Amino acid sequence: MDGPSRPAFNDTILQKVEKVDISIIIPAKDEEESIPELCQWIARVMEEAGLRFEVLFIDDGSTDNT
């Protein structure tokens, strides 16, 4: 699919996990600037809690690089 490139999670955050403890689903529209900080916060909180997790962003027609 063609489109703007998106920054990837760093390798310590993005891992293949067979089973997760929690799935976080976040609707987003034009949130390019806030998503990196939110991802870092979620990762920190989940790691401190010892939870395996996944984050799914649902983009609803953003005009930025969300």
PDB file of N, CA and C in Angstrom:
ATOM      1  N   MET A   1       0.852  -1.177   0.000  1.00  0.00           N
ATOM      2  CA  MET A   1       0.000   0.000   0.000  1.00  0.00           C
ATOM      3  C   MET A   1       0.893   1.234   0.000  1.00  0.00           C
ATOM      4  N   ASP A   2       0.668   2.141  -0.909  1.00  0.00           N
ATOM      5  CA  ASP A   2       1.425   3.379  -0.962  1.00  0.00           C
ATOM      6  C   ASP A   2       0.845   4.372   0.019  1.00  0.00           C
ATOM      7  N   GLY A   3       1.700   5.226   0.530  1.00  0.00           N
ATOM      8  CA  GLY A   3       1.260   6.240   1.470  1.00  0.00           C
ATOM      9  C   GLY A   3       2.454   6.723   2.250  1.00  0.00           C
ATOM     10  N   PRO A   4       2.233   7.602   3.196  1.00  0.00           N
ATOM     11  CA  PRO A   4       3.346   8.128   3.967  1.00  0.00           C
ATOM     12  C   PRO A   4       3.975   7.031   4.816  1.00  0.00           C
ATOM     13  N   SER A   5       5.302   7.119   4.964  1.00  0.00           N
ATOM     14  CA  SER A   5       5.961   6.147   5.836  1.00  0.00           C
ATOM     15  C   SER A   5       5.624   6.475   7.278  1.00  0.00           C
ATOM     16  N   ARG A   6       5.614   5.456   8.105  1.00  0.00           N
ATOM     17  CA  ARG A   6       5.257   5.633   9.502  1.00  0.00           C
ATOM     18  C   ARG A   6       6.414   5.187  10.369  1.00  0.00           C
ATOM     19  N   PRO A   7       6.709   5.933  11.442  1.00  0.00           N
ATOM     20  CA  PRO A   7       7.785   5.509  12.325  1.00  0.00           C
ATOM     21  C   PRO A   7       7.403   4.200  13.005  1.00  0.00           C
ATOM     22  N   ALA A   8       8.376   3.321  13.153  1.00  0.00           N
ATOM     23  CA  ALA A   8       8.124   2.025  13.787  1.00  0.00           C
ATOM     24  C   ALA A   8       8.450   2.088  15.272  1.00  0.00           C
ATOM     25  N   PHE A   9       7.785   1.221  16.042  1.00  0.00           N
ATOM     26  CA  PHE A   9       8.180   1.050  17.440  1.00  0.00           C
ATOM     27  C   PHE A   9       9.620   0.571  17.447  1.00  0.00           C
ATOM     28  N   ASN A  10      10.366   0.911  18.493  1.00  0.00           N
ATOM     29  CA  ASN A  10      11.721   0.374  18.546  1.00  0.00           C
ATOM     30  C   ASN A  10      11.651  -1.113  18.856  1.00  0.00           C
ATOM     31  N   ASP A  11      12.759  -1.821  18.623  1.00  0.00           N
ATOM     32  CA  ASP A  11      12.758  -3.281  18.715  1.00  0.00           C
ATOM     33  C   ASP A  11      12.445  -3.809  20.106  1.00  0.00           C
ATOM     34  N   THR A  12      12.715  -3.039  21.145  1.00  0.00           N
ATOM     35  CA  THR A  12      12.413  -3.540  22.484  1.00  0.00           C
ATOM     36  C   THR A  12      10.921  -3.515  22.761  1.00  0.00           C
ATOM     37  N   ILE A  13      10.195  -2.675  22.064  1.00  0.00           N
ATOM     38  CA  ILE A  13       8.751  -2.607  22.262  1.00  0.00           C
ATOM     39  C   ILE A  13       8.040  -3.570  21.316  1.00  0.00           C
ATOM     40  N   LEU A  14       8.454  -3.586  20.062  1.00  0.00           N
ATOM     41  CA  LEU A  14       7.775  -4.394  19.052  1.00  0.00           C
ATOM     42  C   LEU A  14       8.377  -5.790  19.044  1.00  0.00           C
ATOM     43  N   GLN A  15       7.672  -6.719  19.607  1.00  0.00           N
ATOM     44  CA  GLN A  15       8.112  -8.100  19.659  1.00  0.00           C
ATOM     45  C   GLN A  15       6.939  -8.990  19.297  1.00  0.00           C
ATOM     46  N   LYS A  16       7.249 -10.142  18.720  1.00  0.00           N
ATOM     47  CA  LYS A  16       6.179 -11.097  18.450  1.00  0.00           C
ATOM     48  C   LYS A  16       5.867 -11.810  19.756  1.00  0.00           C
ATOM     49  N   VAL A  17       4.639 -11.706  20.171  1.00  0.00           N
ATOM     50  CA  VAL A  17       4.200 -12.328  21.410  1.00  0.00           C
ATOM     51  C   VAL A  17       3.068 -13.277  21.059  1.00  0.00           C
ATOM     52  N   GLU A  18       3.204 -14.526  21.474  1.00  0.00           N
ATOM     53  CA  GLU A  18       2.163 -15.493  21.143  1.00  0.00           C
ATOM     54  C   GLU A  18       0.889 -15.248  21.928  1.00  0.00           C
ATOM     55  N   LYS A  19       1.018 -14.797  23.138  1.00  0.00           N
ATOM     56  CA  LYS A  19      -0.152 -14.568  23.979  1.00  0.00           C
ATOM     57  C   LYS A  19       0.021 -13.224  24.673  1.00  0.00           C
ATOM     58  N   VAL A  20      -1.024 -12.438  24.679  1.00  0.00           N
ATOM     59  CA  VAL A  20      -0.974 -11.159  25.376  1.00  0.00           C
ATOM     60  C   VAL A  20      -1.927 -11.194  26.558  1.00  0.00           C
ATOM     61  N   ASP A  21      -1.601 -10.393  27.561  1.00  0.00           N
ATOM     62  CA  ASP A  21      -2.471 -10.256  28.725  1.00  0.00           C
ATOM     63  C   ASP A  21      -3.552  -9.213  28.484  1.00  0.00           C
ATOM     64  N   ILE A  22      -3.219  -8.225  27.661  1.00  0.00           N
ATOM     65  CA  ILE A  22      -4.160  -7.128  27.434  1.00  0.00           C
ATOM     66  C   ILE A  22      -3.974  -6.568  26.026  1.00  0.00           C
ATOM     67  N   SER A  23      -5.082  -6.240  25.402  1.00  0.00           N
ATOM     68  CA  SER A  23      -5.085  -5.542  24.112  1.00  0.00           C
ATOM     69  C   SER A  23      -5.643  -4.148  24.351  1.00  0.00           C
ATOM     70  N   ILE A  24      -4.924  -3.164  23.857  1.00  0.00           N
ATOM     71  CA  ILE A  24      -5.355  -1.775  24.003  1.00  0.00           C
ATOM     72  C   ILE A  24      -5.726  -1.280  22.612  1.00  0.00           C
ATOM     73  N   ILE A  25      -6.958  -0.859  22.452  1.00  0.00           N
ATOM     74  CA  ILE A  25      -7.446  -0.390  21.156  1.00  0.00           C
ATOM     75  C   ILE A  25      -7.715   1.105  21.266  1.00  0.00           C
ATOM     76  N   ILE A  26      -7.055   1.870  20.402  1.00  0.00           N
ATOM     77  CA  ILE A  26      -7.121   3.324  20.491  1.00  0.00           C
ATOM     78  C   ILE A  26      -7.589   3.903  19.159  1.00  0.00           C
ATOM     79  N   PRO A  27      -8.749   4.556  19.144  1.00  0.00           N
ATOM     80  CA  PRO A  27      -9.154   5.262  17.934  1.00  0.00           C
ATOM     81  C   PRO A  27      -8.313   6.532  17.801  1.00  0.00           C
ATOM     82  N   ALA A  28      -7.928   6.858  16.584  1.00  0.00           N
ATOM     83  CA  ALA A  28      -7.073   8.027  16.403  1.00  0.00           C
ATOM     84  C   ALA A  28      -7.417   8.729  15.102  1.00  0.00           C
ATOM     85  N   LYS A  29      -7.415  10.031  15.154  1.00  0.00           N
ATOM     86  CA  LYS A  29      -7.567  10.832  13.940  1.00  0.00           C
ATOM     87  C   LYS A  29      -6.712  12.079  14.105  1.00  0.00           C
ATOM     88  N   ASP A  30      -5.762  12.242  13.200  1.00  0.00           N
ATOM     89  CA  ASP A  30      -4.847  13.387  13.214  1.00  0.00           C
ATOM     90  C   ASP A  30      -4.118  13.503  14.557  1.00  0.00           C
ATOM     91  N   GLU A  31      -3.525  12.405  14.999  1.00  0.00           N
ATOM     92  CA  GLU A  31      -2.808  12.363  16.280  1.00  0.00           C
ATOM     93  C   GLU A  31      -1.321  12.078  16.100  1.00  0.00           C
ATOM     94  N   GLU A  32      -0.770  12.423  14.950  1.00  0.00           N
ATOM     95  CA  GLU A  32       0.625  12.129  14.639  1.00  0.00           C
ATOM     96  C   GLU A  32       1.578  12.574  15.747  1.00  0.00           C
ATOM     97  N   GLU A  33       1.371  13.746  16.286  1.00  0.00           N
ATOM     98  CA  GLU A  33       2.305  14.286  17.273  1.00  0.00           C
ATOM     99  C   GLU A  33       2.187  13.615  18.636  1.00  0.00           C
ATOM    100  N   SER A  34       1.017  13.126  18.997  1.00  0.00           N
ATOM    101  CA  SER A  34       0.840  12.580  20.348  1.00  0.00           C
ATOM    102  C   SER A  34       1.072  11.072  20.443  1.00  0.00           C
ATOM    103  N   ILE A  35       1.036  10.363  19.335  1.00  0.00           N
ATOM    104  CA  ILE A  35       1.142   8.904  19.390  1.00  0.00           C
ATOM    105  C   ILE A  35       2.492   8.410  19.922  1.00  0.00           C
ATOM    106  N   PRO A  36       3.637   8.949  19.505  1.00  0.00           N
ATOM    107  CA  PRO A  36       4.896   8.427  20.043  1.00  0.00           C
ATOM    108  C   PRO A  36       4.982   8.505  21.573  1.00  0.00           C
ATOM    109  N   GLU A  37       4.594   9.625  22.146  1.00  0.00           N
ATOM    110  CA  GLU A  37       4.630   9.764  23.603  1.00  0.00           C
ATOM    111  C   GLU A  37       3.647   8.795  24.263  1.00  0.00           C
ATOM    112  N   LEU A  38       2.471   8.649  23.686  1.00  0.00           N
ATOM    113  CA  LEU A  38       1.484   7.717  24.219  1.00  0.00           C
ATOM    114  C   LEU A  38       2.023   6.289  24.186  1.00  0.00           C
ATOM    115  N   CYS A  39       2.664   5.898  23.095  1.00  0.00           N
ATOM    116  CA  CYS A  39       3.234   4.548  22.987  1.00  0.00           C
ATOM    117  C   CYS A  39       4.290   4.309  24.054  1.00  0.00           C
ATOM    118  N   GLN A  40       5.143   5.291  24.279  1.00  0.00           N
ATOM    119  CA  GLN A  40       6.168   5.151  25.319  1.00  0.00           C
ATOM    120  C   GLN A  40       5.534   5.009  26.689  1.00  0.00           C
ATOM    121  N   TRP A  41       4.512   5.785  26.965  1.00  0.00           N
ATOM    122  CA  TRP A  41       3.834   5.724  28.258  1.00  0.00           C
ATOM    123  C   TRP A  41       3.171   4.362  28.457  1.00  0.00           C
ATOM    124  N   ILE A  42       2.463   3.894  27.437  1.00  0.00           N
ATOM    125  CA  ILE A  42       1.805   2.590  27.528  1.00  0.00           C
ATOM    126  C   ILE A  42       2.838   1.499  27.772  1.00  0.00           C
ATOM    127  N   ALA A  43       3.925   1.508  27.011  1.00  0.00           N
ATOM    128  CA  ALA A  43       4.963   0.485  27.169  1.00  0.00           C
ATOM    129  C   ALA A  43       5.538   0.505  28.574  1.00  0.00           C
ATOM    130  N   ARG A  44       5.812   1.685  29.093  1.00  0.00           N
ATOM    131  CA  ARG A  44       6.382   1.799  30.440  1.00  0.00           C
ATOM    132  C   ARG A  44       5.422   1.240  31.488  1.00  0.00           C
ATOM    133  N   VAL A  45       4.166   1.629  31.415  1.00  0.00           N
ATOM    134  CA  VAL A  45       3.170   1.174  32.395  1.00  0.00           C
ATOM    135  C   VAL A  45       2.966  -0.337  32.304  1.00  0.00           C
ATOM    136  N   MET A  46       2.844  -0.862  31.106  1.00  0.00           N
ATOM    137  CA  MET A  46       2.621  -2.302  30.941  1.00  0.00           C
ATOM    138  C   MET A  46       3.832  -3.111  31.391  1.00  0.00           C
ATOM    139  N   GLU A  47       5.040  -2.637  31.078  1.00  0.00           N
ATOM    140  CA  GLU A  47       6.244  -3.344  31.505  1.00  0.00           C
ATOM    141  C   GLU A  47       6.392  -3.314  33.020  1.00  0.00           C
ATOM    142  N   GLU A  48       6.098  -2.173  33.644  1.00  0.00           N
ATOM    143  CA  GLU A  48       6.156  -2.088  35.107  1.00  0.00           C
ATOM    144  C   GLU A  48       5.148  -3.032  35.756  1.00  0.00           C
ATOM    145  N   ALA A  49       4.017  -3.233  35.102  1.00  0.00           N
ATOM    146  CA  ALA A  49       2.984  -4.131  35.627  1.00  0.00           C
ATOM    147  C   ALA A  49       3.272  -5.592  35.274  1.00  0.00           C
ATOM    148  N   GLY A  50       4.282  -5.814  34.450  1.00  0.00           N
ATOM    149  CA  GLY A  50       4.630  -7.170  34.054  1.00  0.00           C
ATOM    150  C   GLY A  50       3.626  -7.804  33.104  1.00  0.00           C
ATOM    151  N   LEU A  51       2.957  -6.978  32.319  1.00  0.00           N
ATOM    152  CA  LEU A  51       1.929  -7.467  31.405  1.00  0.00           C
ATOM    153  C   LEU A  51       2.442  -7.522  29.971  1.00  0.00           C
ATOM    154  N   ARG A  52       2.087  -8.578  29.278  1.00  0.00           N
ATOM    155  CA  ARG A  52       2.336  -8.666  27.838  1.00  0.00           C
ATOM    156  C   ARG A  52       1.162  -7.970  27.164  1.00  0.00           C
ATOM    157  N   PHE A  53       1.451  -7.159  26.177  1.00  0.00           N
ATOM    158  CA  PHE A  53       0.392  -6.315  25.625  1.00  0.00           C
ATOM    159  C   PHE A  53       0.551  -6.115  24.131  1.00  0.00           C
ATOM    160  N   GLU A  54      -0.528  -5.657  23.543  1.00  0.00           N
ATOM    161  CA  GLU A  54      -0.507  -5.191  22.167  1.00  0.00           C
ATOM    162  C   GLU A  54      -1.308  -3.901  22.116  1.00  0.00           C
ATOM    163  N   VAL A  55      -0.924  -3.028  21.188  1.00  0.00           N
ATOM    164  CA  VAL A  55      -1.633  -1.766  20.999  1.00  0.00           C
ATOM    165  C   VAL A  55      -2.094  -1.712  19.546  1.00  0.00           C
ATOM    166  N   LEU A  56      -3.375  -1.474  19.364  1.00  0.00           N
ATOM    167  CA  LEU A  56      -3.950  -1.348  18.028  1.00  0.00           C
ATOM    168  C   LEU A  56      -4.499   0.066  17.871  1.00  0.00           C
ATOM    169  N   PHE A  57      -3.971   0.789  16.902  1.00  0.00           N
ATOM    170  CA  PHE A  57      -4.490   2.116  16.598  1.00  0.00           C
ATOM    171  C   PHE A  57      -5.440   1.985  15.418  1.00  0.00           C
ATOM    172  N   ILE A  58      -6.618   2.527  15.564  1.00  0.00           N
ATOM    173  CA  ILE A  58      -7.610   2.525  14.497  1.00  0.00           C
ATOM    174  C   ILE A  58      -7.679   3.947  13.951  1.00  0.00           C
ATOM    175  N   ASP A  59      -7.174   4.125  12.736  1.00  0.00           N
ATOM    176  CA  ASP A  59      -7.104   5.446  12.118  1.00  0.00           C
ATOM    177  C   ASP A  59      -8.378   5.698  11.320  1.00  0.00           C
ATOM    178  N   ASP A  60      -8.993   6.820  11.573  1.00  0.00           N
ATOM    179  CA  ASP A  60     -10.256   7.158  10.918  1.00  0.00           C
ATOM    180  C   ASP A  60     -10.070   8.318   9.948  1.00  0.00           C
ATOM    181  N   GLY A  61      -9.294   8.087   8.904  1.00  0.00           N
ATOM    182  CA  GLY A  61      -9.160   9.085   7.851  1.00  0.00           C
ATOM    183  C   GLY A  61      -8.276  10.268   8.190  1.00  0.00           C
ATOM    184  N   SER A  62      -7.198  10.027   8.908  1.00  0.00           N
ATOM    185  CA  SER A  62      -6.298  11.127   9.267  1.00  0.00           C
ATOM    186  C   SER A  62      -5.710  11.786   8.034  1.00  0.00           C
ATOM    187  N   THR A  63      -5.444  13.072   8.158  1.00  0.00           N
ATOM    188  CA  THR A  63      -4.791  13.802   7.076  1.00  0.00           C
ATOM    189  C   THR A  63      -3.313  14.024   7.369  1.00  0.00           C
ATOM    190  N   ASP A  64      -2.852  13.592   8.552  1.00  0.00           N
ATOM    191  CA  ASP A  64      -1.429  13.652   8.873  1.00  0.00           C
ATOM    192  C   ASP A  64      -0.864  12.231   8.782  1.00  0.00           C
ATOM    193  N   ASN A  65       0.257  11.956   9.403  1.00  0.00           N
ATOM    194  CA  ASN A  65       0.885  10.632   9.334  1.00  0.00           C
ATOM    195  C   ASN A  65       0.464   9.717  10.477  1.00  0.00           C
ATOM    196  N   THR A  66      -0.722   9.895  10.986  1.00  0.00           N
ATOM    197  CA  THR A  66      -1.204   9.037  12.073  1.00  0.00           C
ATOM    198  C   THR A  66      -1.188   7.591  11.632  1.00  0.00           C
TER     199      THR A  66
END
